[in-house]
Structures are given as C-alpha cells and as structure tokens.
C-alpha atoms as a PDB file:
ATOM      1  CA  MET A   1       0.016  -0.124   0.045  1.00  0.00           C
ATOM      2  CA  GLU A   2       1.533   3.792  -0.930  1.00  0.00           C
ATOM      3  CA  THR A   3       1.253   5.892   1.871  1.00  0.00           C
ATOM      4  CA  LYS A   4      -1.739   8.181   1.965  1.00  0.00           C
ATOM      5  CA  ARG A   5      -0.646  11.646   0.795  1.00  0.00           C
ATOM      6  CA  ASN A   6      -0.873  14.678   3.241  1.00  0.00           C
ATOM      7  CA  ILE A   7      -3.799  17.281   2.796  1.00  0.00           C
ATOM      8  CA  ALA A   8      -4.061  20.211   4.689  1.00  0.00           C
ATOM      9  CA  ILE A   9      -6.720  22.479   4.684  1.00  0.00           C
ATOM     10  CA  VAL A  10      -5.657  25.958   4.780  1.00  0.00           C
ATOM     11  CA  CYS A  11      -8.800  27.434   6.924  1.00  0.00           C
ATOM     12  CA  GLY A  12      -9.343  31.397   8.771  1.00  0.00           C
ATOM     13  CA  GLY A  13      -7.685  33.799   7.501  1.00  0.00           C
ATOM     14  CA  ASP A  14      -6.812  38.196   8.674  1.00  0.00           C
ATOM     15  CA  SER A  15     -10.525  38.718   6.789  1.00  0.00           C
ATOM     16  CA  SER A  16     -14.317  39.198   8.529  1.00  0.00           C
ATOM     17  CA  GLU A  17     -14.741  36.660   7.246  1.00  0.00           C
ATOM     18  CA  HIS A  18     -12.374  34.186   9.397  1.00  0.00           C
ATOM     19  CA  ASP A  19     -15.197  32.614  10.962  1.00  0.00           C
ATOM     20  CA  VAL A  20     -17.260  31.652   7.733  1.00  0.00           C
ATOM     21  CA  SER A  21     -14.122  30.568   6.194  1.00  0.00           C
ATOM     22  CA  LEU A  22     -13.420  27.888   9.264  1.00  0.00           C
ATOM     23  CA  ARG A  23     -16.594  26.585   8.282  1.00  0.00           C
ATOM     24  CA  SER A  24     -15.596  26.038   4.691  1.00  0.00           C
ATOM     25  CA  GLY A  25     -12.679  23.919   6.278  1.00  0.00           C
ATOM     26  CA  GLN A  26     -14.321  21.765   8.470  1.00  0.00           C
ATOM     27  CA  GLY A  27     -16.921  21.246   5.298  1.00  0.00           C
ATOM     28  CA  LEU A  28     -14.230  20.382   3.281  1.00  0.00           C
ATOM     29  CA  TYR A  29     -13.315  18.133   6.311  1.00  0.00           C
ATOM     30  CA  SER A  30     -15.717  16.588   5.973  1.00  0.00           C
ATOM     31  CA  PHE A  31     -15.802  15.711   2.197  1.00  0.00           C
ATOM     32  CA  PHE A  32     -12.298  14.685   1.364  1.00  0.00           C
ATOM     33  CA  ASP A  33     -11.977  11.032   1.257  1.00  0.00           C
ATOM     34  CA  LYS A  34      -9.848   9.848   4.195  1.00  0.00           C
ATOM     35  CA  GLU A  35      -9.043   6.520   3.381  1.00  0.00           C
ATOM     36  CA  ARG A  36      -7.247   8.145   0.259  1.00  0.00           C
ATOM     37  CA  TYR A  37      -5.787  11.070   1.939  1.00  0.00           C
ATOM     38  CA  ASN A  38      -4.878  11.843   5.677  1.00  0.00           C
ATOM     39  CA  VAL A  39      -6.941  15.967   6.095  1.00  0.00           C
ATOM     40  CA  TYR A  40      -5.409  17.564   8.994  1.00  0.00           C
ATOM     41  CA  LEU A  41      -7.235  21.124   8.963  1.00  0.00           C
ATOM     42  CA  VAL A  42      -4.813  24.445   9.598  1.00  0.00           C
ATOM     43  CA  ASP A  43      -6.422  27.395  11.420  1.00  0.00           C
ATOM     44  CA  VAL A  44      -3.778  30.747   9.745  1.00  0.00           C
ATOM     45  CA  LYS A  45      -4.811  33.610  11.702  1.00  0.00           C
ATOM     46  CA  GLY A  46      -2.010  36.905  11.319  1.00  0.00           C
ATOM     47  CA  THR A  47       1.164  35.013  12.527  1.00  0.00           C
ATOM     48  CA  ASP A  48      -0.700  32.488  14.276  1.00  0.00           C
ATOM     49  CA  TRP A  49      -0.592  28.864  12.246  1.00  0.00           C
ATOM     50  CA  HIS A  50      -1.711  26.844  13.693  1.00  0.00           C
ATOM     51  CA  VAL A  51      -2.818  22.409  13.532  1.00  0.00           C
ATOM     52  CA  ASN A  52      -6.468  21.583  14.922  1.00  0.00           C
ATOM     53  CA  LEU A  53      -5.907  17.595  15.939  1.00  0.00           C
ATOM     54  CA  ASP A  54      -8.822  15.259  16.330  1.00  0.00           C
ATOM     55  CA  ASN A  55      -9.080  15.598  19.706  1.00  0.00           C
ATOM     56  CA  GLY A  56      -9.232  19.213  20.473  1.00  0.00           C
ATOM     57  CA  ASP A  57      -5.594  19.618  20.503  1.00  0.00           C
ATOM     58  CA  ILE A  58      -3.504  22.101  18.852  1.00  0.00           C
ATOM     59  CA  ALA A  59       0.349  21.769  16.679  1.00  0.00           C
ATOM     60  CA  GLU A  60       1.954  24.922  16.001  1.00  0.00           C
ATOM     61  CA  ILE A  61       3.408  25.396  12.063  1.00  0.00           C
ATOM     62  CA  GLU A  62       6.958  25.670  11.375  1.00  0.00           C
ATOM     63  CA  LYS A  63       6.573  28.145   8.483  1.00  0.00           C
ATOM     64  CA  ASN A  64       9.888  27.227   7.805  1.00  0.00           C
ATOM     65  CA  ASP A  65       8.565  24.162   5.791  1.00  0.00           C
ATOM     66  CA  PHE A  66       5.142  24.400   7.124  1.00  0.00           C
ATOM     67  CA  SER A  67       5.311  21.161   8.941  1.00  0.00           C
ATOM     68  CA  PHE A  68       4.028  20.666  12.185  1.00  0.00           C
ATOM     69  CA  LYS A  69       4.871  18.658  15.334  1.00  0.00           C
ATOM     70  CA  LEU A  70       2.708  15.005  16.016  1.00  0.00           C
ATOM     71  CA  ASN A  71       3.584  12.451  18.497  1.00  0.00           C
ATOM     72  CA  GLY A  72       7.154  14.038  18.390  1.00  0.00           C
ATOM     73  CA  LYS A  73       7.147  13.181  14.202  1.00  0.00           C
ATOM     74  CA  SER A  74       7.295  15.833  11.645  1.00  0.00           C
ATOM     75  CA  VAL A  75       4.827  15.672   9.271  1.00  0.00           C
ATOM     76  CA  PHE A  76       5.087  17.242   6.333  1.00  0.00           C
ATOM     77  CA  PHE A  77       2.015  18.349   4.195  1.00  0.00           C
ATOM     78  CA  ASP A  78       1.565  16.470   0.009  1.00  0.00           C
ATOM     79  CA  TYR A  79      -0.635  19.614  -0.671  1.00  0.00           C
ATOM     80  CA  ALA A  80      -2.328  22.909   0.273  1.00  0.00           C
ATOM     81  CA  TYR A  81      -6.361  22.934  -0.069  1.00  0.00           C
ATOM     82  CA  ILE A  82      -6.632  27.016   0.522  1.00  0.00           C
ATOM     83  CA  THR A  83     -10.549  27.993   1.728  1.00  0.00           C
ATOM     84  CA  ILE A  84      -9.149  31.464   2.836  1.00  0.00           C
ATOM     85  CA  HIS A  85     -11.728  33.966   2.086  1.00  0.00           C
ATOM     86  CA  GLY A  86     -10.564  36.928   2.485  1.00  0.00           C
ATOM     87  CA  GLN A  87      -6.957  37.785   2.617  1.00  0.00           C
ATOM     88  CA  PRO A  88      -4.239  36.334   2.866  1.00  0.00           C
ATOM     89  CA  GLY A  89      -5.881  33.069   0.531  1.00  0.00           C
ATOM     90  CA  GLU A  90      -7.512  34.510  -1.451  1.00  0.00           C
ATOM     91  CA  ASN A  91      -4.995  37.459  -3.051  1.00  0.00           C
ATOM     92  CA  GLY A  92      -2.003  35.923  -3.719  1.00  0.00           C
ATOM     93  CA  VAL A  93       0.033  36.481  -0.672  1.00  0.00           C
ATOM     94  CA  MET A  94      -0.738  32.719   0.477  1.00  0.00           C
ATOM     95  CA  GLN A  95       0.204  31.276  -2.440  1.00  0.00           C
ATOM     96  CA  GLY A  96       3.991  33.295  -2.961  1.00  0.00           C
ATOM     97  CA  TYR A  97       4.749  31.644   0.490  1.00  0.00           C
ATOM     98  CA  PHE A  98       3.704  28.454  -0.777  1.00  0.00           C
ATOM     99  CA  ASP A  99       5.505  28.662  -3.910  1.00  0.00           C
ATOM    100  CA  LEU A 100       8.936  29.708  -2.354  1.00  0.00           C
ATOM    101  CA  ILE A 101       8.456  26.479  -0.085  1.00  0.00           C
ATOM    102  CA  HIS A 102       7.179  24.189  -3.187  1.00  0.00           C
ATOM    103  CA  LEU A 103       3.825  22.840  -2.006  1.00  0.00           C
ATOM    104  CA  PRO A 104       0.797  22.087  -4.170  1.00  0.00           C
ATOM    105  CA  TYR A 105      -1.695  23.738  -3.778  1.00  0.00           C
ATOM    106  CA  SER A 106      -5.492  24.587  -4.828  1.00  0.00           C
ATOM    107  CA  THR A 107      -6.446  27.647  -6.144  1.00  0.00           C
ATOM    108  CA  SER A 108      -4.600  29.317  -9.844  1.00  0.00           C
ATOM    109  CA  GLY A 109      -1.246  31.837  -8.673  1.00  0.00           C
ATOM    110  CA  VAL A 110      -0.361  34.545  -7.051  1.00  0.00           C
ATOM    111  CA  LEU A 111      -0.801  37.068 -10.128  1.00  0.00           C
ATOM    112  CA  VAL A 112      -4.423  35.770 -10.554  1.00  0.00           C
ATOM    113  CA  GLU A 113      -5.419  35.580  -7.090  1.00  0.00           C
ATOM    114  CA  ALA A 114      -4.396  39.129  -6.540  1.00  0.00           C
ATOM    115  CA  MET A 115      -6.271  40.186  -9.113  1.00  0.00           C
ATOM    116  CA  THR A 116      -9.544  38.304  -9.138  1.00  0.00           C
ATOM    117  CA  PHE A 117      -9.062  39.963  -5.251  1.00  0.00           C
ATOM    118  CA  ASP A 118      -8.811  43.527  -6.527  1.00  0.00           C
ATOM    119  CA  LYS A 119     -12.494  43.189  -8.433  1.00  0.00           C
ATOM    120  CA  PHE A 120     -11.618  46.936 -10.096  1.00  0.00           C
ATOM    121  CA  VAL A 121      -8.825  45.452 -11.873  1.00  0.00           C
ATOM    122  CA  LEU A 122      -9.729  42.165 -12.726  1.00  0.00           C
ATOM    123  CA  ASN A 123     -12.473  44.232 -14.132  1.00  0.00           C
ATOM    124  CA  ASN A 124     -10.491  46.083 -16.330  1.00  0.00           C
ATOM    125  CA  TYR A 125      -8.484  43.068 -17.345  1.00  0.00           C
ATOM    126  CA  LEU A 126     -11.366  40.959 -18.633  1.00  0.00           C
ATOM    127  CA  ARG A 127     -12.930  43.885 -20.621  1.00  0.00           C
ATOM    128  CA  GLY A 128      -9.910  43.774 -22.449  1.00  0.00           C
ATOM    129  CA  PHE A 129     -10.525  39.707 -23.510  1.00  0.00           C
ATOM    130  CA  GLY A 130     -14.124  40.792 -24.695  1.00  0.00           C
ATOM    131  CA  VAL A 131     -15.654  40.101 -20.712  1.00  0.00           C
ATOM    132  CA  LYS A 132     -18.698  42.706 -20.051  1.00  0.00           C
ATOM    133  CA  VAL A 133     -18.498  44.226 -17.147  1.00  0.00           C
ATOM    134  CA  ALA A 134     -20.686  47.157 -15.111  1.00  0.00           C
ATOM    135  CA  ASP A 135     -18.898  50.477 -16.073  1.00  0.00           C
ATOM    136  CA  SER A 136     -16.973  51.825 -12.570  1.00  0.00           C
ATOM    137  CA  ILE A 137     -14.313  54.008 -11.050  1.00  0.00           C
ATOM    138  CA  LEU A 138     -12.158  53.855  -7.946  1.00  0.00           C
ATOM    139  CA  LEU A 139     -11.591  56.006  -5.480  1.00  0.00           C
ATOM    140  CA  ARG A 140      -9.101  55.455  -2.965  1.00  0.00           C
ATOM    141  CA  ARG A 141      -8.459  56.979   0.412  1.00  0.00           C
ATOM    142  CA  GLY A 142      -8.223  60.836   0.618  1.00  0.00           C
ATOM    143  CA  GLU A 143      -8.558  61.357  -2.762  1.00  0.00           C
ATOM    144  CA  ASP A 144     -11.667  63.879  -3.932  1.00  0.00           C
ATOM    145  CA  TYR A 145     -14.588  63.249  -5.825  1.00  0.00           C
ATOM    146  CA  ASP A 146     -17.609  64.701  -7.134  1.00  0.00           C
ATOM    147  CA  PRO A 147     -21.043  62.845  -6.659  1.00  0.00           C
ATOM    148  CA  GLU A 148     -22.480  64.568  -9.917  1.00  0.00           C
ATOM    149  CA  ALA A 149     -19.359  63.767 -11.850  1.00  0.00           C
ATOM    150  CA  ILE A 150     -20.117  60.193 -10.684  1.00  0.00           C
ATOM    151  CA  GLU A 151     -24.378  59.918 -10.755  1.00  0.00           C
ATOM    152  CA  LYS A 152     -23.517  61.247 -14.501  1.00  0.00           C
ATOM    153  CA  ARG A 153     -21.120  58.789 -15.821  1.00  0.00           C
ATOM    154  CA  LEU A 154     -22.590  55.491 -13.503  1.00  0.00           C
ATOM    155  CA  GLY A 155     -26.369  56.798 -13.491  1.00  0.00           C
ATOM    156  CA  MET A 156     -28.338  55.859 -10.055  1.00  0.00           C
ATOM    157  CA  PRO A 157     -28.905  53.502  -8.314  1.00  0.00           C
ATOM    158  CA  CYS A 158     -25.241  52.163  -8.217  1.00  0.00           C
ATOM    159  CA  PHE A 159     -23.143  50.564  -5.502  1.00  0.00           C
ATOM    160  CA  VAL A 160     -20.111  51.074  -3.447  1.00  0.00           C
ATOM    161  CA  LYS A 161     -17.813  48.253  -2.386  1.00  0.00           C
ATOM    162  CA  PRO A 162     -14.036  48.084  -0.631  1.00  0.00           C
ATOM    163  CA  ALA A 163     -12.455  47.388  -4.153  1.00  0.00           C
ATOM    164  CA  ALA A 164      -9.932  44.437  -2.342  1.00  0.00           C
ATOM    165  CA  ASP A 165     -12.086  42.351  -0.353  1.00  0.00           C
ATOM    166  CA  GLY A 166     -13.294  39.028  -0.187  1.00  0.00           C
ATOM    167  CA  SER A 167     -16.440  39.592   1.642  1.00  0.00           C
ATOM    168  CA  SER A 168     -20.030  41.264   1.283  1.00  0.00           C
ATOM    169  CA  PHE A 169     -19.026  43.741   4.252  1.00  0.00           C
ATOM    170  CA  GLY A 170     -19.110  46.656   3.269  1.00  0.00           C
ATOM    171  CA  VAL A 171     -20.727  46.820  -0.279  1.00  0.00           C
ATOM    172  CA  SER A 172     -24.042  49.607   0.108  1.00  0.00           C
ATOM    173  CA  LYS A 173     -26.526  49.996  -2.609  1.00  0.00           C
ATOM    174  CA  VAL A 174     -26.538  54.200  -3.103  1.00  0.00           C
ATOM    175  CA  LYS A 175     -29.307  56.116  -4.850  1.00  0.00           C
ATOM    176  CA  ASN A 176     -28.766  58.920  -4.977  1.00  0.00           C
ATOM    177  CA  ALA A 177     -25.642  61.036  -4.844  1.00  0.00           C
ATOM    178  CA  ASP A 178     -26.397  62.099  -1.107  1.00  0.00           C
ATOM    179  CA  GLN A 179     -25.762  58.698  -0.036  1.00  0.00           C
ATOM    180  CA  LEU A 180     -22.503  58.759  -1.776  1.00  0.00           C
ATOM    181  CA  ALA A 181     -20.197  60.059   1.351  1.00  0.00           C
ATOM    182  CA  PRO A 182     -21.387  57.211   3.876  1.00  0.00           C
ATOM    183  CA  ALA A 183     -21.608  55.084   1.779  1.00  0.00           C
ATOM    184  CA  LEU A 184     -17.888  54.885   1.441  1.00  0.00           C
ATOM    185  CA  ARG A 185     -16.791  56.031   4.980  1.00  0.00           C
ATOM    186  CA  VAL A 186     -18.508  51.746   5.450  1.00  0.00           C
ATOM    187  CA  ALA A 187     -15.904  50.501   2.177  1.00  0.00           C
ATOM    188  CA  PHE A 188     -13.336  52.816   3.444  1.00  0.00           C
ATOM    189  CA  MET A 189     -13.417  50.581   6.679  1.00  0.00           C
ATOM    190  CA  GLU A 190     -13.465  47.665   5.173  1.00  0.00           C
ATOM    191  CA  SER A 191     -10.364  48.671   1.923  1.00  0.00           C
ATOM    192  CA  ASP A 192      -7.876  51.341   1.227  1.00  0.00           C
ATOM    193  CA  GLU A 193      -9.321  51.193  -2.372  1.00  0.00           C
ATOM    194  CA  VAL A 194     -13.095  51.537  -3.056  1.00  0.00           C
ATOM    195  CA  MET A 195     -14.955  51.200  -6.528  1.00  0.00           C
ATOM    196  CA  ILE A 196     -18.357  52.220  -7.155  1.00  0.00           C
ATOM    197  CA  GLU A 197     -19.797  50.659  -9.796  1.00  0.00           C
ATOM    198  CA  GLY A 198     -22.747  50.883 -12.102  1.00  0.00           C
ATOM    199  CA  PHE A 199     -26.402  49.339 -11.334  1.00  0.00           C
ATOM    200  CA  LEU A 200     -27.738  45.873 -13.076  1.00  0.00           C
ATOM    201  CA  ASP A 201     -30.529  45.198 -13.372  1.00  0.00           C
ATOM    202  CA  GLY A 202     -31.756  41.976 -14.474  1.00  0.00           C
ATOM    203  CA  THR A 203     -31.417  37.857 -12.488  1.00  0.00           C
ATOM    204  CA  GLU A 204     -27.971  37.123 -10.272  1.00  0.00           C
ATOM    205  CA  ILE A 205     -26.616  34.217 -10.989  1.00  0.00           C
ATOM    206  CA  SER A 206     -23.461  32.184  -9.812  1.00  0.00           C
ATOM    207  CA  GLN A 207     -21.151  29.189 -11.540  1.00  0.00           C
ATOM    208  CA  GLY A 208     -18.729  27.166 -10.590  1.00  0.00           C
ATOM    209  CA  ILE A 209     -16.169  25.077 -12.737  1.00  0.00           C
ATOM    210  CA  TYR A 210     -12.644  23.147 -12.378  1.00  0.00           C
ATOM    211  CA  LYS A 211     -10.388  21.640 -14.717  1.00  0.00           C
ATOM    212  CA  THR A 212      -8.280  18.940 -14.739  1.00  0.00           C
ATOM    213  CA  ALA A 213      -5.093  17.856 -17.790  1.00  0.00           C
ATOM    214  CA  ASP A 214      -8.372  15.301 -18.892  1.00  0.00           C
ATOM    215  CA  LYS A 215     -11.581  17.314 -18.505  1.00  0.00           C
ATOM    216  CA  THR A 216     -13.487  20.207 -18.331  1.00  0.00           C
ATOM    217  CA  VAL A 217     -16.320  20.904 -15.524  1.00  0.00           C
ATOM    218  CA  VAL A 218     -18.731  23.179 -15.514  1.00  0.00           C
ATOM    219  CA  LEU A 219     -21.300  23.242 -13.733  1.00  0.00           C
ATOM    220  CA  PRO A 220     -25.414  24.353 -13.146  1.00  0.00           C
ATOM    221  CA  ALA A 221     -25.621  27.630 -12.401  1.00  0.00           C
ATOM    222  CA  THR A 222     -27.189  28.839  -8.979  1.00  0.00           C
ATOM    223  CA  GLU A 223     -30.213  32.013  -9.793  1.00  0.00           C
ATOM    224  CA  VAL A 224     -29.516  34.154  -6.240  1.00  0.00           C
ATOM    225  CA  VAL A 225     -33.029  35.532  -5.243  1.00  0.00           C
ATOM    226  CA  THR A 226     -33.601  37.796  -2.663  1.00  0.00           C
ATOM    227  CA  GLU A 227     -35.768  40.604  -1.056  1.00  0.00           C
ATOM    228  CA  ASN A 228     -33.154  42.106   0.260  1.00  0.00           C
ATOM    229  CA  GLU A 229     -31.814  45.034  -1.939  1.00  0.00           C
ATOM    230  CA  PHE A 230     -28.981  42.715  -2.838  1.00  0.00           C
ATOM    231  CA  PHE A 231     -27.138  39.818  -1.827  1.00  0.00           C
ATOM    232  CA  ASP A 232     -25.766  41.461   1.484  1.00  0.00           C
ATOM    233  CA  TYR A 233     -24.644  38.984   4.143  1.00  0.00           C
ATOM    234  CA  ASP A 234     -28.195  38.445   5.996  1.00  0.00           C
ATOM    235  CA  ALA A 235     -28.431  37.244   2.040  1.00  0.00           C
ATOM    236  CA  LYS A 236     -25.634  35.339   2.098  1.00  0.00           C
ATOM    237  CA  TYR A 237     -25.076  33.891   5.590  1.00  0.00           C
ATOM    238  CA  ASN A 238     -28.521  34.636   7.392  1.00  0.00           C
ATOM    239  CA  GLY A 239     -30.192  32.613   4.910  1.00  0.00           C
ATOM    240  CA  GLN A 240     -32.396  35.207   3.361  1.00  0.00           C
ATOM    241  CA  VAL A 241     -32.436  33.967  -0.198  1.00  0.00           C
ATOM    242  CA  LYS A 242     -33.986  31.635  -2.343  1.00  0.00           C
ATOM    243  CA  GLU A 243     -31.091  29.639  -4.070  1.00  0.00           C
ATOM    244  CA  ILE A 244     -32.187  27.885  -7.020  1.00  0.00           C
ATOM    245  CA  THR A 245     -29.760  25.059  -8.569  1.00  0.00           C
ATOM    246  CA  PRO A 246     -30.459  24.954 -11.933  1.00  0.00           C
ATOM    247  CA  ALA A 247     -30.742  29.068 -12.807  1.00  0.00           C
ATOM    248  CA  ARG A 248     -33.938  28.995 -14.412  1.00  0.00           C
ATOM    249  CA  LEU A 249     -32.667  30.209 -17.241  1.00  0.00           C
ATOM    250  CA  ASN A 250     -33.640  29.648 -21.204  1.00  0.00           C
ATOM    251  CA  PRO A 251     -31.124  26.634 -22.764  1.00  0.00           C
ATOM    252  CA  ASP A 252     -29.256  29.489 -25.251  1.00  0.00           C
ATOM    253  CA  THR A 253     -28.276  31.626 -22.231  1.00  0.00           C
ATOM    254  CA  ALA A 254     -27.700  28.847 -20.259  1.00  0.00           C
ATOM    255  CA  ALA A 255     -24.815  27.365 -22.627  1.00  0.00           C
ATOM    256  CA  LYS A 256     -23.522  30.918 -23.414  1.00  0.00           C
ATOM    257  CA  VAL A 257     -23.113  31.387 -19.559  1.00  0.00           C
ATOM    258  CA  ALA A 258     -21.405  27.841 -19.209  1.00  0.00           C
ATOM    259  CA  GLU A 259     -18.991  28.650 -22.086  1.00  0.00           C
ATOM    260  CA  GLN A 260     -18.223  32.304 -20.898  1.00  0.00           C
ATOM    261  CA  THR A 261     -17.412  30.955 -17.765  1.00  0.00           C
ATOM    262  CA  SER A 262     -15.137  28.406 -19.266  1.00  0.00           C
ATOM    263  CA  LYS A 263     -13.489  30.960 -21.947  1.00  0.00           C
ATOM    264  CA  ILE A 264     -13.018  33.598 -18.601  1.00  0.00           C
ATOM    265  CA  TYR A 265     -11.281  30.255 -16.371  1.00  0.00           C
ATOM    266  CA  ASP A 266      -8.856  29.768 -19.300  1.00  0.00           C
ATOM    267  CA  ILE A 267      -7.579  33.509 -19.615  1.00  0.00           C
ATOM    268  CA  LEU A 268      -6.879  33.714 -16.453  1.00  0.00           C
ATOM    269  CA  HIS A 269      -5.261  29.631 -16.696  1.00  0.00           C
ATOM    270  CA  ALA A 270      -7.423  29.538 -12.955  1.00  0.00           C
ATOM    271  CA  ASN A 271      -6.675  26.234 -11.107  1.00  0.00           C
ATOM    272  CA  GLY A 272      -9.034  24.241  -8.721  1.00  0.00           C
ATOM    273  CA  ILE A 273     -12.502  25.471  -8.459  1.00  0.00           C
ATOM    274  CA  ILE A 274     -13.993  28.880  -8.948  1.00  0.00           C
ATOM    275  CA  ARG A 275     -17.265  30.423  -8.673  1.00  0.00           C
ATOM    276  CA  ILE A 276     -17.847  33.648 -11.592  1.00  0.00           C
ATOM    277  CA  ASP A 277     -20.994  35.416 -10.091  1.00  0.00           C
ATOM    278  CA  TYR A 278     -22.833  37.492 -13.195  1.00  0.00           C
ATOM    279  CA  ILE A 279     -26.023  39.365 -13.419  1.00  0.00           C
ATOM    280  CA  ILE A 280     -28.056  38.336 -16.617  1.00  0.00           C
ATOM    281  CA  SER A 281     -29.654  41.254 -17.664  1.00  0.00           C
ATOM    282  CA  LYS A 282     -31.653  42.196 -21.135  1.00  0.00           C
ATOM    283  CA  ASP A 283     -30.392  45.106 -23.871  1.00  0.00           C
ATOM    284  CA  LYS A 284     -33.911  47.203 -25.565  1.00  0.00           C
ATOM    285  CA  GLU A 285     -34.969  44.285 -28.360  1.00  0.00           C
ATOM    286  CA  GLY A 286     -35.373  41.827 -25.119  1.00  0.00           C
ATOM    287  CA  ASN A 287     -32.115  39.581 -25.354  1.00  0.00           C
ATOM    288  CA  ASP A 288     -29.799  38.055 -22.322  1.00  0.00           C
ATOM    289  CA  VAL A 289     -27.132  40.309 -21.697  1.00  0.00           C
ATOM    290  CA  ILE A 290     -24.104  38.275 -19.955  1.00  0.00           C
ATOM    291  CA  ASN A 291     -22.093  40.334 -17.087  1.00  0.00           C
ATOM    292  CA  MET A 292     -19.724  39.142 -15.139  1.00  0.00           C
ATOM    293  CA  LEU A 293     -19.865  40.518 -11.761  1.00  0.00           C
ATOM    294  CA  GLU A 294     -16.645  38.928  -9.858  1.00  0.00           C
ATOM    295  CA  ILE A 295     -14.720  35.637  -9.279  1.00  0.00           C
ATOM    296  CA  ASN A 296     -14.363  33.972  -5.804  1.00  0.00           C
ATOM    297  CA  THR A 297     -10.982  31.315  -6.269  1.00  0.00           C
ATOM    298  CA  THR A 298     -11.534  30.544  -2.863  1.00  0.00           C
ATOM    299  CA  PRO A 299     -16.000  29.865  -3.110  1.00  0.00           C
ATOM    300  CA  GLY A 300     -17.363  28.655   0.089  1.00  0.00           C
ATOM    301  CA  MET A 301     -17.625  24.806   0.854  1.00  0.00           C
ATOM    302  CA  THR A 302     -20.513  24.472   3.948  1.00  0.00           C
ATOM    303  CA  ALA A 303     -22.606  21.967   2.919  1.00  0.00           C
ATOM    304  CA  THR A 304     -25.138  24.499   2.407  1.00  0.00           C
ATOM    305  CA  SER A 305     -22.741  26.372   0.116  1.00  0.00           C
ATOM    306  CA  PHE A 306     -22.798  27.068  -4.123  1.00  0.00           C
ATOM    307  CA  ILE A 307     -20.497  25.084  -4.790  1.00  0.00           C
ATOM    308  CA  PRO A 308     -21.693  21.560  -3.115  1.00  0.00           C
ATOM    309  CA  GLN A 309     -24.699  22.678  -4.349  1.00  0.00           C
ATOM    310  CA  GLN A 310     -24.072  22.763  -7.811  1.00  0.00           C
ATOM    311  CA  VAL A 311     -21.938  19.867  -7.453  1.00  0.00           C
ATOM    312  CA  ARG A 312     -25.380  18.509  -6.064  1.00  0.00           C
ATOM    313  CA  ALA A 313     -27.309  18.699  -9.135  1.00  0.00           C
ATOM    314  CA  ALA A 314     -24.437  18.153 -11.704  1.00  0.00           C
ATOM    315  CA  GLY A 315     -25.188  14.352  -9.703  1.00  0.00           C
ATOM    316  CA  LEU A 316     -21.120  14.209  -9.036  1.00  0.00           C
ATOM    317  CA  ASP A 317     -19.673  13.236  -5.761  1.00  0.00           C
ATOM    318  CA  ILE A 318     -17.799  16.035  -3.742  1.00  0.00           C
ATOM    319  CA  LYS A 319     -15.382  13.374  -2.751  1.00  0.00           C
ATOM    320  CA  GLU A 320     -14.182  12.364  -6.163  1.00  0.00           C
ATOM    321  CA  VAL A 321     -14.081  15.954  -7.244  1.00  0.00           C
ATOM    322  CA  LEU A 322     -12.017  17.690  -4.441  1.00  0.00           C
ATOM    323  CA  SER A 323      -9.638  13.853  -5.287  1.00  0.00           C
ATOM    324  CA  ASP A 324     -10.154  14.642  -8.881  1.00  0.00           C
ATOM    325  CA  ILE A 325      -8.403  18.324  -8.370  1.00  0.00           C
ATOM    326  CA  VAL A 326      -5.477  17.570  -5.931  1.00  0.00           C
ATOM    327  CA  GLU A 327      -4.591  14.710  -8.242  1.00  0.00           C
ATOM    328  CA  ASN A 328      -4.447  17.052 -10.840  1.00  0.00           C
ATOM    329  CA  GLN A 329      -0.824  18.481  -9.411  1.00  0.00           C
ATOM    330  CA  PHE A 330       0.567  15.070  -9.123  1.00  0.00           C
END
C-alpha cells in the first residue's frame, strides 16, 4: 500500500470572514476521502498558524517548511487546499509562500489571485478580452470626488464596495448622490480602495467550474433570489435568500454562460474550483446580456454553499471532485 498523501485544509485568514472560512474548512474536512488522504485542518490568523487536531489539541505550524509535530515526529504536507475567504489566502500572499516552499495548492497562482481579489483590476483586465462588466470608478482613500460627476457617468442606483476585499462587508446600494459619502465611509472601513460600480438590473447567477488535464467540468448555475436590496451578508449567511440550482435560464443563455465561464477560466489559467458571479440583464430588444460580476477563487464549501449544491445538482460526488483536483497536480 502506498503511503497516503497529507493534505492541509488551510482556513481562517485575517478578514472579517475568518469564521465563515473555518466553516468552509470543516465542510471540506467532511467531504475529503479519508481512506485516500490524511487530512488536517490548518487555522491561519496573523502569524498564529496551527493545526486543529481531532482530539481538540493544537500543533504549531513550522513556517520554514509548513510542517508540524505529531507525537514527536514531523509531519510534512503534500498539498494545501486553500479555503481562506479574503487576506491572505485569496489575494496571492499565501500562494507566494507555498510557491517559495514548493508545495502544490488548490488555487490559481499569485498573479491571478491578486487580480481576482481586486475587483477593479479584474474587471478592467477581463474587459480587454471582451468580457462584459459594469462600468466602474476607483477611489483611493483621501482622494477627492465629485458626486454629480459620478452620478452622471454611472447613473443611479449604483453600488459602492471595497475594491480589495473578499467579502460582502462594506457594500452599499446607493440611490442618489447624497448617499455616496456615507456609503464610501462604510466601504473605506474595509479597504483602502473603493469601487463605485454601475447598477445592472437583472437576474444574479453564480456558476462553478474546475478543469483538470483531461476534463472540463462546468457545474449547473445557481440563481440567487433575495428580497434584500442585494445579495448582502444577511442574504448570504443568514438565509434571507432563495437559491435555485440549476438557474431558470433559457437553454441558449445557459449554454452561453457555461461557455463564458470556461473561457474566463482559460484566460486566467485558473486552477481548482472557482465560482463566477454574473448578472443576466436585457438589452433594448429584450435579449439576454451576460455581465460578469466577480470571481471567487476560494468559494464557500459548507454543505449549503453554492459549490456543493451545484456538485450535487450535477450528479457528481464532492469526494471524487476533490480527489480529481488534488491528483491533477501530481
């Protein structure tokens, strides 16, 4: 019997979604094939990196080589499955560390992670490849702005969101120029750069995808229906939302969204499972228009998160999916 690979599920992180990430970590821990792998939960916060062992003990991570001690012996990892939402696992920082110590990991590389984490940079990058995105303006902390000019360019309502933040915190829907200043204050509490984005009216959907050397798996899209003003923190985590998988799209649009998802994955040379959020709006003739909203490279992985829902809807086994993703790098 060959020895089992050691897998680190890296969760936690330094953002306001630390605890949500721990839930994703626990979800992944329950999904992984334990007969095939030795799986450990690694909780990262600031410079405190430790393994949460099954018996409730914790073991410090040795940052020189990402190992830890178990019963006096060093345990080395073969692979890191990163499920941090936000800094440092979703913005390229953790990926740079794993590159330095030559440890394979589940996400895309440093550049793509840094880029997908910064919504403004990502939108402008993908626009160059013909991907439709909402018009947006970037404001840096302390910079002057003219509310009237913003309203003239983007129209109202518009969204104000932290530009570099993996979360739903600090996002506001602004209905007139007077509401811009308070919305900007809230967003600047989360990030040094804030993006003001034109409002797209339509159906919000989210679609997961992963590729390996021998296959492309585009998962069924999920439609997000919320009574809230938008898909905010309460809608996301406190159940104030209906999630319909597969989304109610006409078959032609569904096929085009899947094609777009696959194309974006290739443009980015992405790795592992990513989730792309879209707004399907209508043009003047009433045809569906596919607008890319954002990309999540470490999507939530609790049993009720979009990706596990979509995997189930596709008739796949999440345990097999995770094994495919890990083995693709060996």
